[in-house]
Amino acid sequence: MPHSTGIDWDDAFANRPYIDDGDSFPTAWAQQAQAFRASHAAAQLDLPYGPAPREMFDLFLPVTARPEGVVVFVHGGYWMAFDKSRWSHLAQGALAQGWAVAMPQYTLAPDARIDQMTGQMGRAIAEIARHVAGPIVLTGHSAGGHLVTRMVCAGAPLDPAVQARMRHVLSISGLHDLRPLQMTAMNETLGLTEQTARHESPALLRPVDGVAVTAWVGGRERPEFLRQAALLREAWSRHGTPVRLVVEDGLHHFNVIEGLANAESALTRALLQLP
């Protein structure tokens, strides 16, 4: 991608200024997540998957039955913000359908590069797979959408036995082509080079065989996020991967994830591949 395109890339990736009352969402997420953790008895918090301070995950188990499998949700924040504690309430939909839900976190930039975060997610998923038997479904929001699609690229840092358990990856407003981020002010923190941006862009890599993929995005999102979702479908379809593109009308970058808290939402049913 050229280094000068006439596009204001900082604006292209800016979500909060284009969302009514956008500043209120992070506080609301934290409150809802805390309330859910307080009410859910079968929660195992701060389980380690490595020695670094942020190498931990929370595990929520369904209270009435052996799990159908495990959903792994990876948070966003442009690889620079947030942790697992703001998203616990989003486990409710899959839990009600009988699935366990794990929520890992990772070291943020500038303390880690994106390729190092990719490695951390590989280790996190391997540890989660030890805790819960059965199929694995991955989902993530924004930067988390990048990290989960990266897990099903050829050469991903995952044991083949773990990767073989993966049934579906659903990227919610995911970032699949990292090259434009080099032209943003964020890159002062992210430290992306041309080589790293290419190596870590799922849309530029070959997907593994046998895993269904969905790119899910809100209809009111910034044009760049709509482009990124469509790009993944176009790029991976060329390799024969069944990629479904869903544009959910009326939703923006901050509320597009809310369906994960509802067992019967279109998002949860798509995630778990329910009819």
C-alpha atoms as a PDB file:
ATOM      1  CA  MET A   1       0.000   0.000   0.000  1.00  0.00           C
ATOM      2  CA  PRO A   2       1.422   3.443  -0.875  1.00  0.00           C
ATOM      3  CA  HIS A   3       2.587   5.598   1.975  1.00  0.00           C
ATOM      4  CA  SER A   4       0.634   8.636   0.782  1.00  0.00           C
ATOM      5  CA  THR A   5      -2.910   8.199  -0.498  1.00  0.00           C
ATOM      6  CA  GLY A   6      -4.580  11.521   0.303  1.00  0.00           C
ATOM      7  CA  ILE A   7      -6.696   9.764   2.941  1.00  0.00           C
ATOM      8  CA  ASP A   8      -6.827  11.047   6.515  1.00  0.00           C
ATOM      9  CA  TRP A   9      -6.123   7.679   8.114  1.00  0.00           C
ATOM     10  CA  ASP A  10      -6.429   9.012  11.655  1.00  0.00           C
ATOM     11  CA  ASP A  11      -9.994  10.017  10.874  1.00  0.00           C
ATOM     12  CA  ALA A  12     -10.677   6.764   9.032  1.00  0.00           C
ATOM     13  CA  PHE A  13     -10.001   4.781  12.201  1.00  0.00           C
ATOM     14  CA  ALA A  14     -11.674   7.244  14.606  1.00  0.00           C
ATOM     15  CA  ASN A  15     -14.856   5.743  16.059  1.00  0.00           C
ATOM     16  CA  ARG A  16     -15.755   7.701  19.173  1.00  0.00           C
ATOM     17  CA  PRO A  17     -16.300  11.120  17.490  1.00  0.00           C
ATOM     18  CA  TYR A  18     -18.853   9.569  15.133  1.00  0.00           C
ATOM     19  CA  ILE A  19     -20.939   7.827  17.807  1.00  0.00           C
ATOM     20  CA  ASP A  20     -23.582   9.684  19.804  1.00  0.00           C
ATOM     21  CA  ASP A  21     -22.493   9.812  23.459  1.00  0.00           C
ATOM     22  CA  GLY A  22     -19.484   7.738  22.483  1.00  0.00           C
ATOM     23  CA  ASP A  23     -17.549   8.632  25.631  1.00  0.00           C
ATOM     24  CA  SER A  24     -20.131   6.869  27.820  1.00  0.00           C
ATOM     25  CA  PHE A  25     -19.654   3.370  26.426  1.00  0.00           C
ATOM     26  CA  PRO A  26     -16.423   2.314  28.197  1.00  0.00           C
ATOM     27  CA  THR A  27     -17.904   3.174  31.615  1.00  0.00           C
ATOM     28  CA  ALA A  28     -21.105   1.298  30.825  1.00  0.00           C
ATOM     29  CA  TRP A  29     -19.134  -1.758  29.690  1.00  0.00           C
ATOM     30  CA  ALA A  30     -17.143  -1.802  32.928  1.00  0.00           C
ATOM     31  CA  GLN A  31     -20.284  -1.545  35.055  1.00  0.00           C
ATOM     32  CA  GLN A  32     -22.144  -4.276  33.191  1.00  0.00           C
ATOM     33  CA  ALA A  33     -19.128  -6.567  33.283  1.00  0.00           C
ATOM     34  CA  GLN A  34     -18.595  -6.091  37.020  1.00  0.00           C
ATOM     35  CA  ALA A  35     -22.263  -6.787  37.741  1.00  0.00           C
ATOM     36  CA  PHE A  36     -22.148  -9.990  35.708  1.00  0.00           C
ATOM     37  CA  ARG A  37     -19.002 -11.268  37.434  1.00  0.00           C
ATOM     38  CA  ALA A  38     -20.595 -10.625  40.817  1.00  0.00           C
ATOM     39  CA  SER A  39     -23.660 -12.657  39.863  1.00  0.00           C
ATOM     40  CA  HIS A  40     -22.071 -15.593  38.042  1.00  0.00           C
ATOM     41  CA  ALA A  41     -21.018 -18.295  40.471  1.00  0.00           C
ATOM     42  CA  ALA A  42     -19.094 -20.409  37.952  1.00  0.00           C
ATOM     43  CA  ALA A  43     -16.412 -17.816  37.204  1.00  0.00           C
ATOM     44  CA  GLN A  44     -12.698 -18.532  37.400  1.00  0.00           C
ATOM     45  CA  LEU A  45     -10.785 -15.264  37.241  1.00  0.00           C
ATOM     46  CA  ASP A  46      -7.167 -14.381  36.509  1.00  0.00           C
ATOM     47  CA  LEU A  47      -6.046 -17.804  35.338  1.00  0.00           C
ATOM     48  CA  PRO A  48      -2.456 -17.577  34.043  1.00  0.00           C
ATOM     49  CA  TYR A  49      -1.333 -18.646  30.585  1.00  0.00           C
ATOM     50  CA  GLY A  50       2.187 -17.225  30.901  1.00  0.00           C
ATOM     51  CA  PRO A  51       4.515 -15.332  33.244  1.00  0.00           C
ATOM     52  CA  ALA A  52       3.903 -11.745  32.073  1.00  0.00           C
ATOM     53  CA  PRO A  53       1.604  -9.608  34.252  1.00  0.00           C
ATOM     54  CA  ARG A  54      -1.186  -9.417  31.667  1.00  0.00           C
ATOM     55  CA  GLU A  55      -0.957 -13.043  30.546  1.00  0.00           C
ATOM     56  CA  MET A  56      -4.216 -14.091  32.200  1.00  0.00           C
ATOM     57  CA  PHE A  57      -7.734 -15.083  31.213  1.00  0.00           C
ATOM     58  CA  ASP A  58     -11.139 -15.341  32.854  1.00  0.00           C
ATOM     59  CA  LEU A  59     -13.184 -18.494  32.378  1.00  0.00           C
ATOM     60  CA  PHE A  60     -16.966 -18.591  32.713  1.00  0.00           C
ATOM     61  CA  LEU A  61     -18.656 -21.985  32.820  1.00  0.00           C
ATOM     62  CA  PRO A  62     -22.320 -22.805  32.266  1.00  0.00           C
ATOM     63  CA  VAL A  63     -23.820 -23.666  35.637  1.00  0.00           C
ATOM     64  CA  THR A  64     -26.150 -26.495  34.615  1.00  0.00           C
ATOM     65  CA  ALA A  65     -24.265 -28.799  32.252  1.00  0.00           C
ATOM     66  CA  ARG A  66     -20.950 -29.891  30.819  1.00  0.00           C
ATOM     67  CA  PRO A  67     -19.915 -27.268  28.255  1.00  0.00           C
ATOM     68  CA  GLU A  68     -20.655 -27.846  24.580  1.00  0.00           C
ATOM     69  CA  GLY A  69     -17.212 -26.377  23.935  1.00  0.00           C
ATOM     70  CA  VAL A  70     -15.513 -23.062  24.574  1.00  0.00           C
ATOM     71  CA  VAL A  71     -15.908 -19.615  23.039  1.00  0.00           C
ATOM     72  CA  VAL A  72     -12.825 -17.404  23.266  1.00  0.00           C
ATOM     73  CA  PHE A  73     -13.537 -13.663  23.147  1.00  0.00           C
ATOM     74  CA  VAL A  74     -10.594 -11.312  22.529  1.00  0.00           C
ATOM     75  CA  HIS A  75     -11.059  -7.641  23.364  1.00  0.00           C
ATOM     76  CA  GLY A  76     -10.206  -4.665  21.201  1.00  0.00           C
ATOM     77  CA  GLY A  77      -8.777  -1.230  21.933  1.00  0.00           C
ATOM     78  CA  TYR A  78      -6.372  -0.828  18.998  1.00  0.00           C
ATOM     79  CA  TRP A  79      -3.894  -3.135  20.794  1.00  0.00           C
ATOM     80  CA  MET A  80      -3.265  -0.198  23.172  1.00  0.00           C
ATOM     81  CA  ALA A  81      -6.188  -0.134  25.623  1.00  0.00           C
ATOM     82  CA  PHE A  82      -8.596  -2.139  27.797  1.00  0.00           C
ATOM     83  CA  ASP A  83      -8.349  -5.520  29.443  1.00  0.00           C
ATOM     84  CA  LYS A  84     -10.566  -8.548  29.982  1.00  0.00           C
ATOM     85  CA  SER A  85     -12.509  -7.001  32.863  1.00  0.00           C
ATOM     86  CA  ARG A  86     -14.730  -4.749  30.701  1.00  0.00           C
ATOM     87  CA  TRP A  87     -16.337  -7.512  28.660  1.00  0.00           C
ATOM     88  CA  SER A  88     -17.469 -10.238  31.061  1.00  0.00           C
ATOM     89  CA  HIS A  89     -21.180  -9.557  30.438  1.00  0.00           C
ATOM     90  CA  LEU A  90     -20.709 -10.481  26.778  1.00  0.00           C
ATOM     91  CA  ALA A  91     -20.308 -14.113  27.889  1.00  0.00           C
ATOM     92  CA  GLN A  92     -24.008 -14.369  28.713  1.00  0.00           C
ATOM     93  CA  GLY A  93     -25.279 -15.358  25.282  1.00  0.00           C
ATOM     94  CA  ALA A  94     -22.958 -18.314  24.735  1.00  0.00           C
ATOM     95  CA  LEU A  95     -23.256 -19.404  28.374  1.00  0.00           C
ATOM     96  CA  ALA A  96     -27.026 -19.615  28.053  1.00  0.00           C
ATOM     97  CA  GLN A  97     -26.510 -21.837  25.006  1.00  0.00           C
ATOM     98  CA  GLY A  98     -24.378 -24.222  27.076  1.00  0.00           C
ATOM     99  CA  TRP A  99     -20.892 -23.065  26.070  1.00  0.00           C
ATOM    100  CA  ALA A 100     -18.004 -22.046  28.289  1.00  0.00           C
ATOM    101  CA  VAL A 101     -16.539 -18.611  27.562  1.00  0.00           C
ATOM    102  CA  ALA A 102     -12.909 -17.590  28.055  1.00  0.00           C
ATOM    103  CA  MET A 103     -11.687 -13.998  27.896  1.00  0.00           C
ATOM    104  CA  PRO A 104      -7.912 -13.565  27.654  1.00  0.00           C
ATOM    105  CA  GLN A 105      -5.948 -10.341  27.732  1.00  0.00           C
ATOM    106  CA  TYR A 106      -2.540  -9.525  26.330  1.00  0.00           C
ATOM    107  CA  THR A 107       0.333  -7.096  26.795  1.00  0.00           C
ATOM    108  CA  LEU A 108      -0.524  -3.748  25.236  1.00  0.00           C
ATOM    109  CA  ALA A 109       1.570  -1.523  22.990  1.00  0.00           C
ATOM    110  CA  PRO A 110       4.093  -0.012  23.386  1.00  0.00           C
ATOM    111  CA  ASP A 111       5.182  -2.720  25.839  1.00  0.00           C
ATOM    112  CA  ALA A 112       4.567  -5.369  23.164  1.00  0.00           C
ATOM    113  CA  ARG A 113       4.466  -5.406  19.384  1.00  0.00           C
ATOM    114  CA  ILE A 114       1.492  -6.837  17.543  1.00  0.00           C
ATOM    115  CA  ASP A 115       3.428  -9.926  16.499  1.00  0.00           C
ATOM    116  CA  GLN A 116       4.180 -10.572  20.166  1.00  0.00           C
ATOM    117  CA  MET A 117       0.460 -10.249  20.977  1.00  0.00           C
ATOM    118  CA  THR A 118      -0.218 -12.838  18.289  1.00  0.00           C
ATOM    119  CA  GLY A 119       2.123 -15.199  20.103  1.00  0.00           C
ATOM    120  CA  GLN A 120       0.402 -14.494  23.399  1.00  0.00           C
ATOM    121  CA  MET A 121      -2.999 -15.347  21.936  1.00  0.00           C
ATOM    122  CA  GLY A 122      -1.638 -18.633  20.664  1.00  0.00           C
ATOM    123  CA  ARG A 123      -0.433 -19.523  24.156  1.00  0.00           C
ATOM    124  CA  ALA A 124      -3.681 -18.325  25.740  1.00  0.00           C
ATOM    125  CA  ILE A 125      -5.841 -20.470  23.468  1.00  0.00           C
ATOM    126  CA  ALA A 126      -3.645 -23.503  24.116  1.00  0.00           C
ATOM    127  CA  GLU A 127      -4.094 -23.060  27.872  1.00  0.00           C
ATOM    128  CA  ILE A 128      -7.838 -22.476  27.516  1.00  0.00           C
ATOM    129  CA  ALA A 129      -8.055 -25.678  25.469  1.00  0.00           C
ATOM    130  CA  ARG A 130      -6.543 -27.567  28.403  1.00  0.00           C
ATOM    131  CA  HIS A 131      -9.315 -26.333  30.698  1.00  0.00           C
ATOM    132  CA  VAL A 132     -12.303 -27.067  28.449  1.00  0.00           C
ATOM    133  CA  ALA A 133     -12.772 -30.039  26.141  1.00  0.00           C
ATOM    134  CA  GLY A 134     -14.596 -30.007  22.843  1.00  0.00           C
ATOM    135  CA  PRO A 135     -14.777 -27.570  19.937  1.00  0.00           C
ATOM    136  CA  ILE A 136     -13.276 -24.091  20.068  1.00  0.00           C
ATOM    137  CA  VAL A 137     -14.959 -21.006  18.635  1.00  0.00           C
ATOM    138  CA  LEU A 138     -13.068 -17.707  18.428  1.00  0.00           C
ATOM    139  CA  THR A 139     -14.506 -14.212  18.359  1.00  0.00           C
ATOM    140  CA  GLY A 140     -13.010 -10.788  18.895  1.00  0.00           C
ATOM    141  CA  HIS A 141     -13.881  -7.135  18.476  1.00  0.00           C
ATOM    142  CA  SER A 142     -11.840  -4.627  16.453  1.00  0.00           C
ATOM    143  CA  ALA A 143      -8.189  -5.369  17.292  1.00  0.00           C
ATOM    144  CA  GLY A 144      -9.499  -8.559  18.868  1.00  0.00           C
ATOM    145  CA  GLY A 145     -11.034  -9.424  15.503  1.00  0.00           C
ATOM    146  CA  HIS A 146      -7.549  -9.161  14.050  1.00  0.00           C
ATOM    147  CA  LEU A 147      -6.080 -11.454  16.688  1.00  0.00           C
ATOM    148  CA  VAL A 148      -8.683 -14.200  16.270  1.00  0.00           C
ATOM    149  CA  THR A 149      -8.445 -14.266  12.480  1.00  0.00           C
ATOM    150  CA  ARG A 150      -4.668 -14.325  12.828  1.00  0.00           C
ATOM    151  CA  MET A 151      -5.052 -17.600  14.738  1.00  0.00           C
ATOM    152  CA  VAL A 152      -6.350 -19.384  11.633  1.00  0.00           C
ATOM    153  CA  CYS A 153      -3.671 -18.157   9.244  1.00  0.00           C
ATOM    154  CA  ALA A 154      -1.074 -20.587   7.974  1.00  0.00           C
ATOM    155  CA  GLY A 155       1.882 -20.514  10.339  1.00  0.00           C
ATOM    156  CA  ALA A 156      -0.134 -19.223  13.308  1.00  0.00           C
ATOM    157  CA  PRO A 157       1.498 -19.926  16.691  1.00  0.00           C
ATOM    158  CA  LEU A 158      -0.900 -22.737  17.601  1.00  0.00           C
ATOM    159  CA  ASP A 159      -0.387 -26.432  18.171  1.00  0.00           C
ATOM    160  CA  PRO A 160      -2.012 -28.332  15.272  1.00  0.00           C
ATOM    161  CA  ALA A 161      -4.064 -30.391  17.745  1.00  0.00           C
ATOM    162  CA  VAL A 162      -5.568 -27.197  19.179  1.00  0.00           C
ATOM    163  CA  GLN A 163      -6.129 -25.670  15.762  1.00  0.00           C
ATOM    164  CA  ALA A 164      -7.908 -28.870  14.690  1.00  0.00           C
ATOM    165  CA  ARG A 165     -10.537 -28.259  17.381  1.00  0.00           C
ATOM    166  CA  MET A 166     -11.506 -24.874  15.933  1.00  0.00           C
ATOM    167  CA  ARG A 167     -14.926 -24.802  14.331  1.00  0.00           C
ATOM    168  CA  HIS A 168     -15.612 -21.123  13.645  1.00  0.00           C
ATOM    169  CA  VAL A 169     -13.964 -17.703  13.817  1.00  0.00           C
ATOM    170  CA  LEU A 170     -16.205 -14.637  13.956  1.00  0.00           C
ATOM    171  CA  SER A 171     -14.427 -11.306  13.609  1.00  0.00           C
ATOM    172  CA  ILE A 172     -16.577  -8.395  14.815  1.00  0.00           C
ATOM    173  CA  SER A 173     -15.508  -5.116  13.195  1.00  0.00           C
ATOM    174  CA  GLY A 174     -12.094  -6.665  12.816  1.00  0.00           C
ATOM    175  CA  LEU A 175      -8.934  -5.148  11.396  1.00  0.00           C
ATOM    176  CA  HIS A 176      -7.539  -7.482   8.761  1.00  0.00           C
ATOM    177  CA  ASP A 177      -5.174  -5.226   6.800  1.00  0.00           C
ATOM    178  CA  LEU A 178      -2.774  -3.392   9.122  1.00  0.00           C
ATOM    179  CA  ARG A 179      -0.849  -1.472   6.482  1.00  0.00           C
ATOM    180  CA  PRO A 180      -2.936   1.740   6.700  1.00  0.00           C
ATOM    181  CA  LEU A 181      -2.232   1.946  10.441  1.00  0.00           C
ATOM    182  CA  GLN A 182       1.357   2.854   9.584  1.00  0.00           C
ATOM    183  CA  MET A 183      -0.014   6.206   8.406  1.00  0.00           C
ATOM    184  CA  THR A 184      -1.762   7.059  11.683  1.00  0.00           C
ATOM    185  CA  ALA A 185      -0.551   8.775  14.822  1.00  0.00           C
ATOM    186  CA  MET A 186      -1.279   5.501  16.622  1.00  0.00           C
ATOM    187  CA  ASN A 187       1.750   3.989  14.965  1.00  0.00           C
ATOM    188  CA  GLU A 188       3.991   6.006  17.260  1.00  0.00           C
ATOM    189  CA  THR A 189       2.768   3.565  19.909  1.00  0.00           C
ATOM    190  CA  LEU A 190       2.159   0.467  17.776  1.00  0.00           C
ATOM    191  CA  GLY A 191       5.530   0.612  16.019  1.00  0.00           C
ATOM    192  CA  LEU A 192       4.359  -1.179  12.881  1.00  0.00           C
ATOM    193  CA  THR A 193       6.883  -1.528  10.092  1.00  0.00           C
ATOM    194  CA  GLU A 194       5.998  -2.441   6.516  1.00  0.00           C
ATOM    195  CA  GLN A 195       7.282  -5.966   7.127  1.00  0.00           C
ATOM    196  CA  THR A 196       5.355  -6.460  10.366  1.00  0.00           C
ATOM    197  CA  ALA A 197       2.170  -4.936   8.956  1.00  0.00           C
ATOM    198  CA  ARG A 198       2.230  -7.389   6.071  1.00  0.00           C
ATOM    199  CA  HIS A 199       3.175 -10.368   8.207  1.00  0.00           C
ATOM    200  CA  GLU A 200       0.384  -9.648  10.719  1.00  0.00           C
ATOM    201  CA  SER A 201      -2.418  -8.819   8.232  1.00  0.00           C
ATOM    202  CA  PRO A 202      -4.785 -11.811   7.951  1.00  0.00           C
ATOM    203  CA  ALA A 203      -6.159 -10.562   4.630  1.00  0.00           C
ATOM    204  CA  LEU A 204      -2.651 -10.864   3.146  1.00  0.00           C
ATOM    205  CA  LEU A 205      -2.062 -14.369   4.513  1.00  0.00           C
ATOM    206  CA  ARG A 206      -3.346 -17.815   3.595  1.00  0.00           C
ATOM    207  CA  PRO A 207      -6.030 -19.234   5.915  1.00  0.00           C
ATOM    208  CA  VAL A 208      -5.865 -22.796   7.190  1.00  0.00           C
ATOM    209  CA  ASP A 209      -8.338 -25.283   5.800  1.00  0.00           C
ATOM    210  CA  GLY A 210     -11.450 -26.486   7.565  1.00  0.00           C
ATOM    211  CA  VAL A 211     -12.429 -23.482   9.710  1.00  0.00           C
ATOM    212  CA  ALA A 212     -15.515 -21.439   8.857  1.00  0.00           C
ATOM    213  CA  VAL A 213     -15.060 -17.671   9.109  1.00  0.00           C
ATOM    214  CA  THR A 214     -17.537 -14.817   9.531  1.00  0.00           C
ATOM    215  CA  ALA A 215     -16.752 -11.112   9.178  1.00  0.00           C
ATOM    216  CA  TRP A 216     -19.432  -9.180  11.087  1.00  0.00           C
ATOM    217  CA  VAL A 217     -19.687  -5.400  11.006  1.00  0.00           C
ATOM    218  CA  GLY A 218     -22.236  -2.719  11.858  1.00  0.00           C
ATOM    219  CA  GLY A 219     -23.954  -0.877   9.035  1.00  0.00           C
ATOM    220  CA  ARG A 220     -23.236   2.506  10.689  1.00  0.00           C
ATOM    221  CA  GLU A 221     -19.523   1.870  11.127  1.00  0.00           C
ATOM    222  CA  ARG A 222     -16.814   3.999   9.618  1.00  0.00           C
ATOM    223  CA  PRO A 223     -16.181   3.136   5.949  1.00  0.00           C
ATOM    224  CA  GLU A 224     -12.758   1.705   6.742  1.00  0.00           C
ATOM    225  CA  PHE A 225     -14.263  -0.970   8.995  1.00  0.00           C
ATOM    226  CA  LEU A 226     -16.761  -1.917   6.308  1.00  0.00           C
ATOM    227  CA  ARG A 227     -13.863  -2.150   3.856  1.00  0.00           C
ATOM    228  CA  GLN A 228     -11.816  -4.299   6.206  1.00  0.00           C
ATOM    229  CA  ALA A 229     -14.656  -6.803   6.638  1.00  0.00           C
ATOM    230  CA  ALA A 230     -15.305  -7.022   2.903  1.00  0.00           C
ATOM    231  CA  LEU A 231     -11.584  -7.359   2.217  1.00  0.00           C
ATOM    232  CA  LEU A 232     -11.284 -10.430   4.428  1.00  0.00           C
ATOM    233  CA  ARG A 233     -14.152 -12.135   2.627  1.00  0.00           C
ATOM    234  CA  GLU A 234     -12.712 -11.284  -0.782  1.00  0.00           C
ATOM    235  CA  ALA A 235      -9.153 -12.294   0.072  1.00  0.00           C
ATOM    236  CA  TRP A 236      -9.894 -15.534   1.869  1.00  0.00           C
ATOM    237  CA  SER A 237     -12.635 -16.635  -0.520  1.00  0.00           C
ATOM    238  CA  ARG A 238      -9.929 -16.813  -3.171  1.00  0.00           C
ATOM    239  CA  HIS A 239      -8.290 -19.533  -1.089  1.00  0.00           C
ATOM    240  CA  GLY A 240     -11.510 -21.518  -0.847  1.00  0.00           C
ATOM    241  CA  THR A 241     -12.314 -20.597   2.771  1.00  0.00           C
ATOM    242  CA  PRO A 242     -16.060 -20.215   3.397  1.00  0.00           C
ATOM    243  CA  VAL A 243     -16.200 -16.588   4.594  1.00  0.00           C
ATOM    244  CA  ARG A 244     -19.577 -15.076   5.396  1.00  0.00           C
ATOM    245  CA  LEU A 245     -19.927 -11.279   5.457  1.00  0.00           C
ATOM    246  CA  VAL A 246     -22.707  -9.845   7.645  1.00  0.00           C
ATOM    247  CA  VAL A 247     -23.475  -6.123   7.819  1.00  0.00           C
ATOM    248  CA  GLU A 248     -25.881  -5.592  10.723  1.00  0.00           C
ATOM    249  CA  ASP A 249     -28.057  -2.616   9.896  1.00  0.00           C
ATOM    250  CA  GLY A 250     -28.183   0.346  12.263  1.00  0.00           C
ATOM    251  CA  LEU A 251     -25.273  -0.622  14.501  1.00  0.00           C
ATOM    252  CA  HIS A 252     -22.022   1.226  15.077  1.00  0.00           C
ATOM    253  CA  HIS A 253     -18.608   0.174  16.335  1.00  0.00           C
ATOM    254  CA  PHE A 254     -19.544   0.313  20.012  1.00  0.00           C
ATOM    255  CA  ASN A 255     -22.933  -1.392  20.050  1.00  0.00           C
ATOM    256  CA  VAL A 256     -22.283  -4.035  17.399  1.00  0.00           C
ATOM    257  CA  ILE A 257     -20.957  -6.371  20.119  1.00  0.00           C
ATOM    258  CA  GLU A 258     -24.015  -6.147  22.362  1.00  0.00           C
ATOM    259  CA  GLY A 259     -25.678  -9.176  20.793  1.00  0.00           C
ATOM    260  CA  LEU A 260     -23.099 -11.439  22.464  1.00  0.00           C
ATOM    261  CA  ALA A 261     -24.927 -10.861  25.770  1.00  0.00           C
ATOM    262  CA  ASN A 262     -28.181 -12.283  24.343  1.00  0.00           C
ATOM    263  CA  ALA A 263     -28.567 -16.026  23.780  1.00  0.00           C
ATOM    264  CA  GLU A 264     -31.052 -15.571  20.938  1.00  0.00           C
ATOM    265  CA  SER A 265     -29.452 -12.662  19.122  1.00  0.00           C
ATOM    266  CA  ALA A 266     -28.438 -13.042  15.506  1.00  0.00           C
ATOM    267  CA  LEU A 267     -24.826 -12.499  16.560  1.00  0.00           C
ATOM    268  CA  THR A 268     -24.756 -15.253  19.187  1.00  0.00           C
ATOM    269  CA  ARG A 269     -26.576 -17.699  16.946  1.00  0.00           C
ATOM    270  CA  ALA A 270     -24.169 -16.973  14.112  1.00  0.00           C
ATOM    271  CA  LEU A 271     -21.181 -17.346  16.436  1.00  0.00           C
ATOM    272  CA  LEU A 272     -22.309 -20.794  17.574  1.00  0.00           C
ATOM    273  CA  GLN A 273     -23.561 -21.723  14.089  1.00  0.00           C
ATOM    274  CA  LEU A 274     -27.080 -22.316  15.347  1.00  0.00           C
ATOM    275  CA  PRO A 275     -29.981 -22.479  12.869  1.00  0.00           C
END
